[in-house]
Amino acid sequence: MRFVIDLNLSVFHLSFQEVRSFMHLTTEWNINPMPTLSRHKPAQNERSRFQILLDGASQQVGFTHVTDADNTVRASLKKPAASVDHVSLREMDVPAFPARDGVRVHFPMAQEAGKRSKLSAALLNASRVADAGAVIITVPDAAPVQTVNGVMAFERASMRFDLIEAATFSAVTDGADAQESALPFFTAPIEVDETANLAFRVKLTRADRRAYEAGYLSDAALASVCLGLARAADKVLLDAILATAPDAFSLGAAAAQGFKFSELRALVGAAGSGAAVSQDGALRVSGVSAEFTADATDTVIGSFNRSAVAISERITLTAERANVRSDLNVTCWANMQALLPMPAAFWTVGG
């Protein structure tokens, strides 16, 4: 007797490794989550895509039937009442909110409402560390699984962030050997398996969805996710910098590294240490151009263009039906890693 198992599972509250295991399981058992965008195919309308995810989740049930060849139900299996989608930062559009009578939508310090851009570009605009000079690296998907002699092979790409500094030349007297120097470049490997697993979860009640016109609530949630990813990138990098226990800042320390003064930026944490407003109305720390951040307590000064944040290209959106009223628990998963090839490029003030 042949049994057909038709599962529609989703991922929730899983580690990065568990998500990868689930994705392998979908291949082996032919589980069909929401379709994934391919960078070689035209992007669908992301507004409709997220709304379809929510609508689909609201109609999910917590079981699936096991049937035989003549479709006779033989058993029922429990499953999450949810839908899942994997979307690309490079291809995903931030929703555009056109101007309408009585409705004003604004993205604070990010982009002008009503204009469409890719989520990766909007993230750059909203991130404080990116504005200070840090590089945002979008890590592409892993290569497709290949089968070699019946064995599945996973290709592991070597990725890293390299920082090239000036070689140090020194005078050498006649007949003497040149002094040996350390390599004038630094590297930070991008470890896909070591990236921080980050999540945002919110409940969208049926009343919430009915209070707004079709599609608005899903678009607003998606726009908020975009701004939240930028804040998450800021926190990941600032946490990594502070974890190295940087020395106290001084102009002499920066000069000793050979940095240009114009390269330096300061991010003032919640304690406000060292911050002052100069006579020209600009926020500064020890004369260095500064900006506020709520994603750290201490104030950090450094050459941020010597750092980076690696962000996995795919983010996972799940929508779980919470009850019979079709309230939805929506979760967004992302993976990020701070890259600090030269920790000595950063200092703290008053920490």
C-alpha atoms as a PDB file:
ATOM      1  CA  MET A   1       0.000   0.000   0.000  1.00  0.00           C
ATOM      2  CA  ARG A   2       1.380   3.402  -0.962  1.00  0.00           C
ATOM      3  CA  PHE A   3       0.929   6.319   1.458  1.00  0.00           C
ATOM      4  CA  VAL A   4       1.072   9.964   0.411  1.00  0.00           C
ATOM      5  CA  ILE A   5       2.148  12.443   3.087  1.00  0.00           C
ATOM      6  CA  ASP A   6       1.289  16.036   2.336  1.00  0.00           C
ATOM      7  CA  LEU A   7       2.882  18.285   4.953  1.00  0.00           C
ATOM      8  CA  ASN A   8       2.911  22.060   5.175  1.00  0.00           C
ATOM      9  CA  LEU A   9       5.301  22.835   8.012  1.00  0.00           C
ATOM     10  CA  SER A  10       6.849  26.074   9.163  1.00  0.00           C
ATOM     11  CA  VAL A  11       9.862  27.203  11.149  1.00  0.00           C
ATOM     12  CA  PHE A  12       9.546  29.000  14.434  1.00  0.00           C
ATOM     13  CA  HIS A  13      12.008  29.913  17.182  1.00  0.00           C
ATOM     14  CA  LEU A  14      14.742  27.777  15.666  1.00  0.00           C
ATOM     15  CA  SER A  15      18.476  28.295  15.678  1.00  0.00           C
ATOM     16  CA  PHE A  16      20.287  28.968  12.407  1.00  0.00           C
ATOM     17  CA  GLN A  17      21.449  25.335  12.309  1.00  0.00           C
ATOM     18  CA  GLU A  18      17.874  24.107  12.880  1.00  0.00           C
ATOM     19  CA  VAL A  19      16.596  26.321  10.083  1.00  0.00           C
ATOM     20  CA  ARG A  20      19.186  24.771   7.750  1.00  0.00           C
ATOM     21  CA  SER A  21      18.083  21.314   8.886  1.00  0.00           C
ATOM     22  CA  PHE A  22      14.475  22.218   8.153  1.00  0.00           C
ATOM     23  CA  MET A  23      15.390  23.451   4.683  1.00  0.00           C
ATOM     24  CA  HIS A  24      17.137  20.107   4.046  1.00  0.00           C
ATOM     25  CA  LEU A  25      14.007  18.306   5.281  1.00  0.00           C
ATOM     26  CA  THR A  26      11.830  20.213   2.831  1.00  0.00           C
ATOM     27  CA  THR A  27      13.951  18.852  -0.023  1.00  0.00           C
ATOM     28  CA  GLU A  28      13.875  15.278   1.234  1.00  0.00           C
ATOM     29  CA  TRP A  29      10.142  15.089   2.016  1.00  0.00           C
ATOM     30  CA  ASN A  30       8.896  17.506  -0.639  1.00  0.00           C
ATOM     31  CA  ILE A  31       7.372  19.901   1.878  1.00  0.00           C
ATOM     32  CA  ASN A  32       6.034  22.980   0.122  1.00  0.00           C
ATOM     33  CA  PRO A  33       6.437  26.274   1.993  1.00  0.00           C
ATOM     34  CA  MET A  34       5.783  29.609   0.308  1.00  0.00           C
ATOM     35  CA  PRO A  35       7.815  30.001  -2.931  1.00  0.00           C
ATOM     36  CA  THR A  36      11.262  31.547  -2.595  1.00  0.00           C
ATOM     37  CA  LEU A  37      12.401  34.382  -4.845  1.00  0.00           C
ATOM     38  CA  SER A  38      15.220  33.608  -7.234  1.00  0.00           C
ATOM     39  CA  ARG A  39      17.625  36.423  -8.060  1.00  0.00           C
ATOM     40  CA  HIS A  40      17.421  35.267 -11.690  1.00  0.00           C
ATOM     41  CA  LYS A  41      13.645  35.664 -11.873  1.00  0.00           C
ATOM     42  CA  PRO A  42      11.616  38.859 -11.895  1.00  0.00           C
ATOM     43  CA  ALA A  43      10.611  39.822  -8.363  1.00  0.00           C
ATOM     44  CA  GLN A  44       6.944  39.499  -7.561  1.00  0.00           C
ATOM     45  CA  ASN A  45       5.058  42.319  -5.953  1.00  0.00           C
ATOM     46  CA  GLU A  46       6.333  42.097  -2.381  1.00  0.00           C
ATOM     47  CA  ARG A  47       3.261  43.859  -1.042  1.00  0.00           C
ATOM     48  CA  SER A  48       1.019  41.091  -2.352  1.00  0.00           C
ATOM     49  CA  ARG A  49       3.552  38.467  -1.339  1.00  0.00           C
ATOM     50  CA  PHE A  50       3.515  39.340   2.372  1.00  0.00           C
ATOM     51  CA  GLN A  51      -0.235  39.776   2.348  1.00  0.00           C
ATOM     52  CA  ILE A  52      -0.604  36.335   0.752  1.00  0.00           C
ATOM     53  CA  LEU A  53       1.554  34.910   3.548  1.00  0.00           C
ATOM     54  CA  LEU A  54      -0.741  36.409   6.191  1.00  0.00           C
ATOM     55  CA  ASP A  55      -3.918  35.372   4.410  1.00  0.00           C
ATOM     56  CA  GLY A  56      -2.609  31.847   3.980  1.00  0.00           C
ATOM     57  CA  ALA A  57      -1.650  31.558   7.649  1.00  0.00           C
ATOM     58  CA  SER A  58      -5.093  32.715   8.797  1.00  0.00           C
ATOM     59  CA  GLN A  59      -6.619  29.713   7.013  1.00  0.00           C
ATOM     60  CA  GLN A  60      -4.115  27.099   8.179  1.00  0.00           C
ATOM     61  CA  VAL A  61      -5.186  24.175  10.364  1.00  0.00           C
ATOM     62  CA  GLY A  62      -3.116  22.322  12.941  1.00  0.00           C
ATOM     63  CA  PHE A  63      -3.199  18.925  11.270  1.00  0.00           C
ATOM     64  CA  THR A  64      -2.685  17.183   7.956  1.00  0.00           C
ATOM     65  CA  HIS A  65      -4.186  13.947   6.669  1.00  0.00           C
ATOM     66  CA  VAL A  66      -2.279  10.833   5.668  1.00  0.00           C
ATOM     67  CA  THR A  67      -4.054   9.152   2.767  1.00  0.00           C
ATOM     68  CA  ASP A  68      -3.541   6.035   0.716  1.00  0.00           C
ATOM     69  CA  ALA A  69      -3.590   5.756  -3.054  1.00  0.00           C
ATOM     70  CA  ASP A  70      -7.400   6.123  -3.316  1.00  0.00           C
ATOM     71  CA  ASN A  71      -7.327   9.213  -1.012  1.00  0.00           C
ATOM     72  CA  THR A  72      -8.843   7.383   1.934  1.00  0.00           C
ATOM     73  CA  VAL A  73      -7.783   9.127   5.138  1.00  0.00           C
ATOM     74  CA  ARG A  74      -5.755   6.715   7.257  1.00  0.00           C
ATOM     75  CA  ALA A  75      -4.350   9.068   9.899  1.00  0.00           C
ATOM     76  CA  SER A  76      -3.952  12.689  10.907  1.00  0.00           C
ATOM     77  CA  LEU A  77      -0.661  14.302  11.845  1.00  0.00           C
ATOM     78  CA  LYS A  78      -0.268  17.428  13.961  1.00  0.00           C
ATOM     79  CA  LYS A  79       1.537  20.349  12.372  1.00  0.00           C
ATOM     80  CA  PRO A  80       1.918  24.078  12.989  1.00  0.00           C
ATOM     81  CA  ALA A  81      -0.986  26.152  11.693  1.00  0.00           C
ATOM     82  CA  ALA A  82       1.355  28.490   9.866  1.00  0.00           C
ATOM     83  CA  SER A  83       2.938  29.654   6.622  1.00  0.00           C
ATOM     84  CA  VAL A  84       6.587  30.446   5.939  1.00  0.00           C
ATOM     85  CA  ASP A  85       8.398  32.485   3.300  1.00  0.00           C
ATOM     86  CA  HIS A  86      12.075  33.156   2.570  1.00  0.00           C
ATOM     87  CA  VAL A  87      12.743  36.504   0.907  1.00  0.00           C
ATOM     88  CA  SER A  88      15.846  38.205  -0.445  1.00  0.00           C
ATOM     89  CA  LEU A  89      17.224  41.509   0.842  1.00  0.00           C
ATOM     90  CA  ARG A  90      18.563  42.235  -2.644  1.00  0.00           C
ATOM     91  CA  GLU A  91      15.222  41.723  -4.385  1.00  0.00           C
ATOM     92  CA  MET A  92      12.676  42.619  -1.745  1.00  0.00           C
ATOM     93  CA  ASP A  93      11.067  46.045  -2.162  1.00  0.00           C
ATOM     94  CA  VAL A  94      10.308  48.262   0.796  1.00  0.00           C
ATOM     95  CA  PRO A  95       6.597  49.051   0.428  1.00  0.00           C
ATOM     96  CA  ALA A  96       5.753  52.401  -1.114  1.00  0.00           C
ATOM     97  CA  PHE A  97       2.976  54.330   0.608  1.00  0.00           C
ATOM     98  CA  PRO A  98       1.497  56.753  -1.932  1.00  0.00           C
ATOM     99  CA  ALA A  99       0.055  59.992  -0.602  1.00  0.00           C
ATOM    100  CA  ARG A 100      -3.689  59.822   0.072  1.00  0.00           C
ATOM    101  CA  ASP A 101      -6.203  62.173   1.568  1.00  0.00           C
ATOM    102  CA  GLY A 102      -6.162  61.955   5.347  1.00  0.00           C
ATOM    103  CA  VAL A 103      -3.248  59.509   5.521  1.00  0.00           C
ATOM    104  CA  ARG A 104       0.395  60.470   5.982  1.00  0.00           C
ATOM    105  CA  VAL A 105       3.131  57.839   6.218  1.00  0.00           C
ATOM    106  CA  HIS A 106       6.703  58.702   7.123  1.00  0.00           C
ATOM    107  CA  PHE A 107       9.912  56.691   7.512  1.00  0.00           C
ATOM    108  CA  PRO A 108      12.008  58.556  10.128  1.00  0.00           C
ATOM    109  CA  MET A 109      15.560  59.130   8.916  1.00  0.00           C
ATOM    110  CA  ALA A 110      15.282  56.376   6.309  1.00  0.00           C
ATOM    111  CA  GLN A 111      13.573  57.156   3.028  1.00  0.00           C
ATOM    112  CA  GLU A 112      10.799  59.301   1.686  1.00  0.00           C
ATOM    113  CA  ALA A 113       7.418  57.623   1.902  1.00  0.00           C
ATOM    114  CA  GLY A 114       5.926  56.885  -1.486  1.00  0.00           C
ATOM    115  CA  LYS A 115       9.258  55.968  -3.046  1.00  0.00           C
ATOM    116  CA  ARG A 116      10.160  52.354  -3.678  1.00  0.00           C
ATOM    117  CA  SER A 117      13.625  50.954  -3.016  1.00  0.00           C
ATOM    118  CA  LYS A 118      15.211  47.620  -2.245  1.00  0.00           C
ATOM    119  CA  LEU A 119      15.316  46.579   1.382  1.00  0.00           C
ATOM    120  CA  SER A 120      19.123  46.318   1.280  1.00  0.00           C
ATOM    121  CA  ALA A 121      19.374  49.978   0.188  1.00  0.00           C
ATOM    122  CA  ALA A 122      16.875  51.155   2.794  1.00  0.00           C
ATOM    123  CA  LEU A 123      18.831  49.287   5.465  1.00  0.00           C
ATOM    124  CA  LEU A 124      21.976  51.215   4.508  1.00  0.00           C
ATOM    125  CA  ASN A 125      20.089  54.504   4.771  1.00  0.00           C
ATOM    126  CA  ALA A 126      18.734  53.722   8.242  1.00  0.00           C
ATOM    127  CA  SER A 127      21.825  52.187   9.881  1.00  0.00           C
ATOM    128  CA  ARG A 128      23.900  54.479  12.127  1.00  0.00           C
ATOM    129  CA  VAL A 129      27.047  52.349  11.817  1.00  0.00           C
ATOM    130  CA  ALA A 130      26.713  52.323   8.029  1.00  0.00           C
ATOM    131  CA  ASP A 131      26.286  56.097   8.091  1.00  0.00           C
ATOM    132  CA  ALA A 132      29.494  56.286  10.148  1.00  0.00           C
ATOM    133  CA  GLY A 133      31.324  54.290   7.489  1.00  0.00           C
ATOM    134  CA  ALA A 134      30.858  50.582   8.333  1.00  0.00           C
ATOM    135  CA  VAL A 135      30.445  48.259   5.366  1.00  0.00           C
ATOM    136  CA  ILE A 136      27.216  46.243   5.097  1.00  0.00           C
ATOM    137  CA  ILE A 137      27.937  42.925   3.361  1.00  0.00           C
ATOM    138  CA  THR A 138      25.022  40.891   2.051  1.00  0.00           C
ATOM    139  CA  VAL A 139      26.036  37.236   2.208  1.00  0.00           C
ATOM    140  CA  PRO A 140      24.579  35.299  -0.746  1.00  0.00           C
ATOM    141  CA  ASP A 141      22.742  32.003  -0.469  1.00  0.00           C
ATOM    142  CA  ALA A 142      24.749  28.808  -0.277  1.00  0.00           C
ATOM    143  CA  ALA A 143      25.305  26.993  -3.543  1.00  0.00           C
ATOM    144  CA  PRO A 144      22.676  24.373  -4.443  1.00  0.00           C
ATOM    145  CA  VAL A 145      23.168  20.915  -2.990  1.00  0.00           C
ATOM    146  CA  GLN A 146      24.905  18.531  -5.406  1.00  0.00           C
ATOM    147  CA  THR A 147      24.719  14.756  -5.438  1.00  0.00           C
ATOM    148  CA  VAL A 148      28.036  12.959  -6.031  1.00  0.00           C
ATOM    149  CA  ASN A 149      27.887   9.163  -6.332  1.00  0.00           C
ATOM    150  CA  GLY A 150      24.599   9.182  -4.463  1.00  0.00           C
ATOM    151  CA  VAL A 151      25.943  11.344  -1.628  1.00  0.00           C
ATOM    152  CA  MET A 152      24.690  14.888  -1.074  1.00  0.00           C
ATOM    153  CA  ALA A 153      27.544  17.417  -1.073  1.00  0.00           C
ATOM    154  CA  PHE A 154      27.235  20.917   0.386  1.00  0.00           C
ATOM    155  CA  GLU A 155      29.621  23.478  -1.077  1.00  0.00           C
ATOM    156  CA  ARG A 156      31.267  25.659   1.560  1.00  0.00           C
ATOM    157  CA  ALA A 157      32.333  29.031   0.201  1.00  0.00           C
ATOM    158  CA  SER A 158      35.229  30.847   1.843  1.00  0.00           C
ATOM    159  CA  MET A 159      34.218  34.429   2.580  1.00  0.00           C
ATOM    160  CA  ARG A 160      36.019  37.142   4.501  1.00  0.00           C
ATOM    161  CA  PHE A 161      36.376  40.895   4.981  1.00  0.00           C
ATOM    162  CA  ASP A 162      39.913  42.085   4.217  1.00  0.00           C
ATOM    163  CA  LEU A 163      41.344  45.381   5.398  1.00  0.00           C
ATOM    164  CA  ILE A 164      44.466  46.609   3.612  1.00  0.00           C
ATOM    165  CA  GLU A 165      46.634  49.167   5.396  1.00  0.00           C
ATOM    166  CA  ALA A 166      49.736  51.041   4.246  1.00  0.00           C
ATOM    167  CA  ALA A 167      53.041  49.180   4.315  1.00  0.00           C
ATOM    168  CA  THR A 168      55.584  50.764   6.685  1.00  0.00           C
ATOM    169  CA  PHE A 169      58.872  51.744   5.064  1.00  0.00           C
ATOM    170  CA  SER A 170      61.929  52.627   7.121  1.00  0.00           C
ATOM    171  CA  ALA A 171      65.459  53.818   6.392  1.00  0.00           C
ATOM    172  CA  VAL A 172      68.107  51.122   6.031  1.00  0.00           C
ATOM    173  CA  THR A 173      71.827  51.797   6.352  1.00  0.00           C
ATOM    174  CA  ASP A 174      74.204  50.506   3.697  1.00  0.00           C
ATOM    175  CA  GLY A 175      74.922  46.817   4.140  1.00  0.00           C
ATOM    176  CA  ALA A 176      72.124  46.246   6.660  1.00  0.00           C
ATOM    177  CA  ASP A 177      69.070  44.060   6.195  1.00  0.00           C
ATOM    178  CA  ALA A 178      65.585  45.539   5.988  1.00  0.00           C
ATOM    179  CA  GLN A 179      63.601  45.232   9.167  1.00  0.00           C
ATOM    180  CA  GLU A 180      60.882  42.597   9.034  1.00  0.00           C
ATOM    181  CA  SER A 181      57.364  43.928   9.435  1.00  0.00           C
ATOM    182  CA  ALA A 182      54.010  42.373  10.172  1.00  0.00           C
ATOM    183  CA  LEU A 183      51.638  41.823   7.274  1.00  0.00           C
ATOM    184  CA  PRO A 184      50.077  45.202   6.439  1.00  0.00           C
ATOM    185  CA  PHE A 185      46.588  43.813   6.063  1.00  0.00           C
ATOM    186  CA  PHE A 186      44.017  42.293   8.368  1.00  0.00           C
ATOM    187  CA  THR A 187      41.172  39.868   7.783  1.00  0.00           C
ATOM    188  CA  ALA A 188      37.941  38.789   9.437  1.00  0.00           C
ATOM    189  CA  PRO A 189      36.376  35.544   8.174  1.00  0.00           C
ATOM    190  CA  ILE A 190      32.644  35.419   7.530  1.00  0.00           C
ATOM    191  CA  GLU A 191      31.461  32.314   9.381  1.00  0.00           C
ATOM    192  CA  VAL A 192      27.963  31.520   8.157  1.00  0.00           C
ATOM    193  CA  ASP A 193      27.425  28.989  10.961  1.00  0.00           C
ATOM    194  CA  GLU A 194      28.481  31.529  13.607  1.00  0.00           C
ATOM    195  CA  THR A 195      26.180  34.392  12.675  1.00  0.00           C
ATOM    196  CA  ALA A 196      23.892  35.742  15.378  1.00  0.00           C
ATOM    197  CA  ASN A 197      20.328  34.448  15.059  1.00  0.00           C
ATOM    198  CA  LEU A 198      18.008  37.456  15.483  1.00  0.00           C
ATOM    199  CA  ALA A 199      14.225  37.600  15.543  1.00  0.00           C
ATOM    200  CA  PHE A 200      11.338  40.045  15.782  1.00  0.00           C
ATOM    201  CA  ARG A 201       7.866  38.794  16.759  1.00  0.00           C
ATOM    202  CA  VAL A 202       4.566  40.653  16.799  1.00  0.00           C
ATOM    203  CA  LYS A 203       0.901  39.703  17.037  1.00  0.00           C
ATOM    204  CA  LEU A 204      -1.499  40.966  14.378  1.00  0.00           C
ATOM    205  CA  THR A 205      -5.036  40.472  15.602  1.00  0.00           C
ATOM    206  CA  ARG A 206      -7.981  40.070  13.311  1.00  0.00           C
ATOM    207  CA  ALA A 207      -9.258  43.410  14.635  1.00  0.00           C
ATOM    208  CA  ASP A 208      -5.937  45.019  13.681  1.00  0.00           C
ATOM    209  CA  ARG A 209      -6.208  43.706  10.140  1.00  0.00           C
ATOM    210  CA  ARG A 210      -9.799  44.855   9.799  1.00  0.00           C
ATOM    211  CA  ALA A 211      -8.987  48.343  11.107  1.00  0.00           C
ATOM    212  CA  TYR A 212      -6.902  49.158   8.020  1.00  0.00           C
ATOM    213  CA  GLU A 213      -7.566  48.845   4.332  1.00  0.00           C
ATOM    214  CA  ALA A 214      -6.360  45.719   2.546  1.00  0.00           C
ATOM    215  CA  GLY A 215      -2.606  45.341   2.510  1.00  0.00           C
ATOM    216  CA  TYR A 216      -1.762  48.394   4.618  1.00  0.00           C
ATOM    217  CA  LEU A 217      -0.991  46.557   7.842  1.00  0.00           C
ATOM    218  CA  SER A 218       1.265  44.017   6.119  1.00  0.00           C
ATOM    219  CA  ASP A 219       3.107  46.837   4.327  1.00  0.00           C
ATOM    220  CA  ALA A 220       3.561  48.785   7.541  1.00  0.00           C
ATOM    221  CA  ALA A 221       4.881  45.691   9.331  1.00  0.00           C
ATOM    222  CA  LEU A 222       7.330  45.041   6.501  1.00  0.00           C
ATOM    223  CA  ALA A 223       8.581  48.640   6.563  1.00  0.00           C
ATOM    224  CA  SER A 224       9.085  48.382  10.319  1.00  0.00           C
ATOM    225  CA  VAL A 225      11.078  45.182   9.828  1.00  0.00           C
ATOM    226  CA  CYS A 226      13.358  47.074   7.427  1.00  0.00           C
ATOM    227  CA  LEU A 227      14.113  49.770  10.013  1.00  0.00           C
ATOM    228  CA  GLY A 228      14.522  47.098  12.684  1.00  0.00           C
ATOM    229  CA  LEU A 229      17.142  45.252  10.633  1.00  0.00           C
ATOM    230  CA  ALA A 230      19.185  48.461  10.499  1.00  0.00           C
ATOM    231  CA  ARG A 231      18.973  48.821  14.290  1.00  0.00           C
ATOM    232  CA  ALA A 232      19.946  45.171  14.700  1.00  0.00           C
ATOM    233  CA  ALA A 233      23.048  45.686  12.527  1.00  0.00           C
ATOM    234  CA  ASP A 234      24.030  48.668  14.686  1.00  0.00           C
ATOM    235  CA  LYS A 235      23.712  46.656  17.888  1.00  0.00           C
ATOM    236  CA  VAL A 236      25.596  43.632  16.556  1.00  0.00           C
ATOM    237  CA  LEU A 237      28.598  45.768  15.562  1.00  0.00           C
ATOM    238  CA  LEU A 238      28.621  47.996  18.646  1.00  0.00           C
ATOM    239  CA  ASP A 239      28.328  44.979  20.963  1.00  0.00           C
ATOM    240  CA  ALA A 240      31.297  43.365  19.208  1.00  0.00           C
ATOM    241  CA  ILE A 241      33.391  46.537  19.510  1.00  0.00           C
ATOM    242  CA  LEU A 242      32.648  46.957  23.219  1.00  0.00           C
ATOM    243  CA  ALA A 243      33.337  43.270  23.852  1.00  0.00           C
ATOM    244  CA  THR A 244      36.996  43.909  22.896  1.00  0.00           C
ATOM    245  CA  ALA A 245      37.318  46.337  25.869  1.00  0.00           C
ATOM    246  CA  PRO A 246      38.656  49.287  23.819  1.00  0.00           C
ATOM    247  CA  ASP A 247      41.091  51.758  25.361  1.00  0.00           C
ATOM    248  CA  ALA A 248      40.032  55.282  26.276  1.00  0.00           C
ATOM    249  CA  PHE A 249      40.072  57.647  23.316  1.00  0.00           C
ATOM    250  CA  SER A 250      42.714  60.288  22.813  1.00  0.00           C
ATOM    251  CA  LEU A 251      43.735  62.269  19.772  1.00  0.00           C
ATOM    252  CA  GLY A 252      47.262  60.936  20.189  1.00  0.00           C
ATOM    253  CA  ALA A 253      46.028  57.319  20.044  1.00  0.00           C
ATOM    254  CA  ALA A 254      44.224  58.015  16.775  1.00  0.00           C
ATOM    255  CA  ALA A 255      47.265  59.821  15.371  1.00  0.00           C
ATOM    256  CA  ALA A 256      49.508  56.883  16.310  1.00  0.00           C
ATOM    257  CA  GLN A 257      47.361  54.615  14.139  1.00  0.00           C
ATOM    258  CA  GLY A 258      47.900  56.932  11.178  1.00  0.00           C
ATOM    259  CA  PHE A 259      44.201  57.680  10.754  1.00  0.00           C
ATOM    260  CA  LYS A 260      42.962  60.862   9.135  1.00  0.00           C
ATOM    261  CA  PHE A 261      40.871  62.945  11.508  1.00  0.00           C
ATOM    262  CA  SER A 262      38.077  63.035   8.936  1.00  0.00           C
ATOM    263  CA  GLU A 263      37.849  59.200   9.108  1.00  0.00           C
ATOM    264  CA  LEU A 264      36.825  59.256  12.749  1.00  0.00           C
ATOM    265  CA  ARG A 265      33.192  59.096  13.824  1.00  0.00           C
ATOM    266  CA  ALA A 266      31.579  58.848  17.249  1.00  0.00           C
ATOM    267  CA  LEU A 267      28.373  57.089  18.222  1.00  0.00           C
ATOM    268  CA  VAL A 268      27.035  58.402  21.514  1.00  0.00           C
ATOM    269  CA  GLY A 269      25.391  55.707  23.626  1.00  0.00           C
ATOM    270  CA  ALA A 270      22.508  56.057  26.051  1.00  0.00           C
ATOM    271  CA  ALA A 271      24.789  57.355  28.838  1.00  0.00           C
ATOM    272  CA  GLY A 272      25.715  60.358  26.671  1.00  0.00           C
ATOM    273  CA  SER A 273      29.370  60.155  27.736  1.00  0.00           C
ATOM    274  CA  GLY A 274      31.598  62.875  26.287  1.00  0.00           C
ATOM    275  CA  ALA A 275      28.910  64.353  24.037  1.00  0.00           C
ATOM    276  CA  ALA A 276      28.635  68.102  23.560  1.00  0.00           C
ATOM    277  CA  VAL A 277      27.059  70.441  21.050  1.00  0.00           C
ATOM    278  CA  SER A 278      29.628  72.718  19.416  1.00  0.00           C
ATOM    279  CA  GLN A 279      29.085  76.360  18.500  1.00  0.00           C
ATOM    280  CA  ASP A 280      28.186  75.360  14.952  1.00  0.00           C
ATOM    281  CA  GLY A 281      25.274  73.280  16.307  1.00  0.00           C
ATOM    282  CA  ALA A 282      26.876  69.906  15.543  1.00  0.00           C
ATOM    283  CA  LEU A 283      27.060  67.040  18.024  1.00  0.00           C
ATOM    284  CA  ARG A 284      30.679  66.177  18.779  1.00  0.00           C
ATOM    285  CA  VAL A 285      32.793  64.046  21.112  1.00  0.00           C
ATOM    286  CA  SER A 286      36.358  65.297  21.668  1.00  0.00           C
ATOM    287  CA  GLY A 287      35.883  67.336  18.506  1.00  0.00           C
ATOM    288  CA  VAL A 288      34.862  64.252  16.480  1.00  0.00           C
ATOM    289  CA  SER A 289      31.597  64.360  14.524  1.00  0.00           C
ATOM    290  CA  ALA A 290      29.017  62.305  16.428  1.00  0.00           C
ATOM    291  CA  GLU A 291      25.526  60.862  16.308  1.00  0.00           C
ATOM    292  CA  PHE A 292      23.251  59.311  18.916  1.00  0.00           C
ATOM    293  CA  THR A 293      22.489  55.603  19.160  1.00  0.00           C
ATOM    294  CA  ALA A 294      20.171  53.763  21.527  1.00  0.00           C
ATOM    295  CA  ASP A 295      21.883  50.448  20.769  1.00  0.00           C
ATOM    296  CA  ALA A 296      24.810  50.942  23.158  1.00  0.00           C
ATOM    297  CA  THR A 297      25.368  52.511  26.560  1.00  0.00           C
ATOM    298  CA  ASP A 298      28.956  53.678  26.100  1.00  0.00           C
ATOM    299  CA  THR A 299      30.223  56.158  23.552  1.00  0.00           C
ATOM    300  CA  VAL A 300      32.364  54.631  20.795  1.00  0.00           C
ATOM    301  CA  ILE A 301      34.841  56.566  18.646  1.00  0.00           C
ATOM    302  CA  GLY A 302      36.648  54.952  15.774  1.00  0.00           C
ATOM    303  CA  SER A 303      37.341  54.506  12.121  1.00  0.00           C
ATOM    304  CA  PHE A 304      34.116  52.691  11.270  1.00  0.00           C
ATOM    305  CA  ASN A 305      35.171  52.177   7.660  1.00  0.00           C
ATOM    306  CA  ARG A 306      37.510  49.528   9.073  1.00  0.00           C
ATOM    307  CA  SER A 307      34.575  47.386  10.189  1.00  0.00           C
ATOM    308  CA  ALA A 308      31.658  45.580   8.591  1.00  0.00           C
ATOM    309  CA  VAL A 309      28.438  43.718   9.305  1.00  0.00           C
ATOM    310  CA  ALA A 310      27.686  40.562   7.325  1.00  0.00           C
ATOM    311  CA  ILE A 311      23.958  39.940   6.841  1.00  0.00           C
ATOM    312  CA  SER A 312      22.551  36.756   5.329  1.00  0.00           C
ATOM    313  CA  GLU A 313      20.729  37.615   2.137  1.00  0.00           C
ATOM    314  CA  ARG A 314      17.628  35.600   3.007  1.00  0.00           C
ATOM    315  CA  ILE A 315      15.356  36.541   5.858  1.00  0.00           C
ATOM    316  CA  THR A 316      12.596  34.182   6.980  1.00  0.00           C
ATOM    317  CA  LEU A 317       9.050  35.377   7.601  1.00  0.00           C
ATOM    318  CA  THR A 318       6.619  33.096   9.419  1.00  0.00           C
ATOM    319  CA  ALA A 319       2.963  33.709  10.207  1.00  0.00           C
ATOM    320  CA  GLU A 320       1.303  31.392  12.743  1.00  0.00           C
ATOM    321  CA  ARG A 321      -2.434  31.289  13.363  1.00  0.00           C
ATOM    322  CA  ALA A 322      -2.715  31.757  17.129  1.00  0.00           C
ATOM    323  CA  ASN A 323      -6.377  30.927  17.735  1.00  0.00           C
ATOM    324  CA  VAL A 324      -9.807  30.376  16.167  1.00  0.00           C
ATOM    325  CA  ARG A 325     -10.167  34.171  15.708  1.00  0.00           C
ATOM    326  CA  SER A 326      -7.294  33.979  13.185  1.00  0.00           C
ATOM    327  CA  ASP A 327      -5.001  36.239  15.189  1.00  0.00           C
ATOM    328  CA  LEU A 328      -1.501  35.870  13.726  1.00  0.00           C
ATOM    329  CA  ASN A 329       1.908  35.694  15.364  1.00  0.00           C
ATOM    330  CA  VAL A 330       4.333  37.065  12.781  1.00  0.00           C
ATOM    331  CA  THR A 331       8.058  36.404  13.206  1.00  0.00           C
ATOM    332  CA  CYS A 332      11.003  37.620  11.154  1.00  0.00           C
ATOM    333  CA  TRP A 333      14.336  35.798  11.397  1.00  0.00           C
ATOM    334  CA  ALA A 334      17.679  37.242  10.260  1.00  0.00           C
ATOM    335  CA  ASN A 335      21.347  36.339  10.683  1.00  0.00           C
ATOM    336  CA  MET A 336      24.190  38.835  11.162  1.00  0.00           C
ATOM    337  CA  GLN A 337      27.874  38.834  12.095  1.00  0.00           C
ATOM    338  CA  ALA A 338      30.126  41.713  13.125  1.00  0.00           C
ATOM    339  CA  LEU A 339      33.481  41.839  11.340  1.00  0.00           C
ATOM    340  CA  LEU A 340      36.341  43.535  13.182  1.00  0.00           C
ATOM    341  CA  PRO A 341      39.650  42.785  11.470  1.00  0.00           C
ATOM    342  CA  MET A 342      41.278  45.691  13.349  1.00  0.00           C
ATOM    343  CA  PRO A 343      39.783  46.155  16.852  1.00  0.00           C
ATOM    344  CA  ALA A 344      42.460  48.758  17.652  1.00  0.00           C
ATOM    345  CA  ALA A 345      40.627  51.168  15.340  1.00  0.00           C
ATOM    346  CA  PHE A 346      38.072  51.853  18.100  1.00  0.00           C
ATOM    347  CA  TRP A 347      38.048  53.538  21.492  1.00  0.00           C
ATOM    348  CA  THR A 348      35.516  54.452  24.163  1.00  0.00           C
ATOM    349  CA  VAL A 349      34.819  57.707  25.955  1.00  0.00           C
ATOM    350  CA  GLY A 350      33.807  57.749  29.604  1.00  0.00           C
ATOM    351  CA  GLY A 351      33.049  54.022  29.589  1.00  0.00           C
END
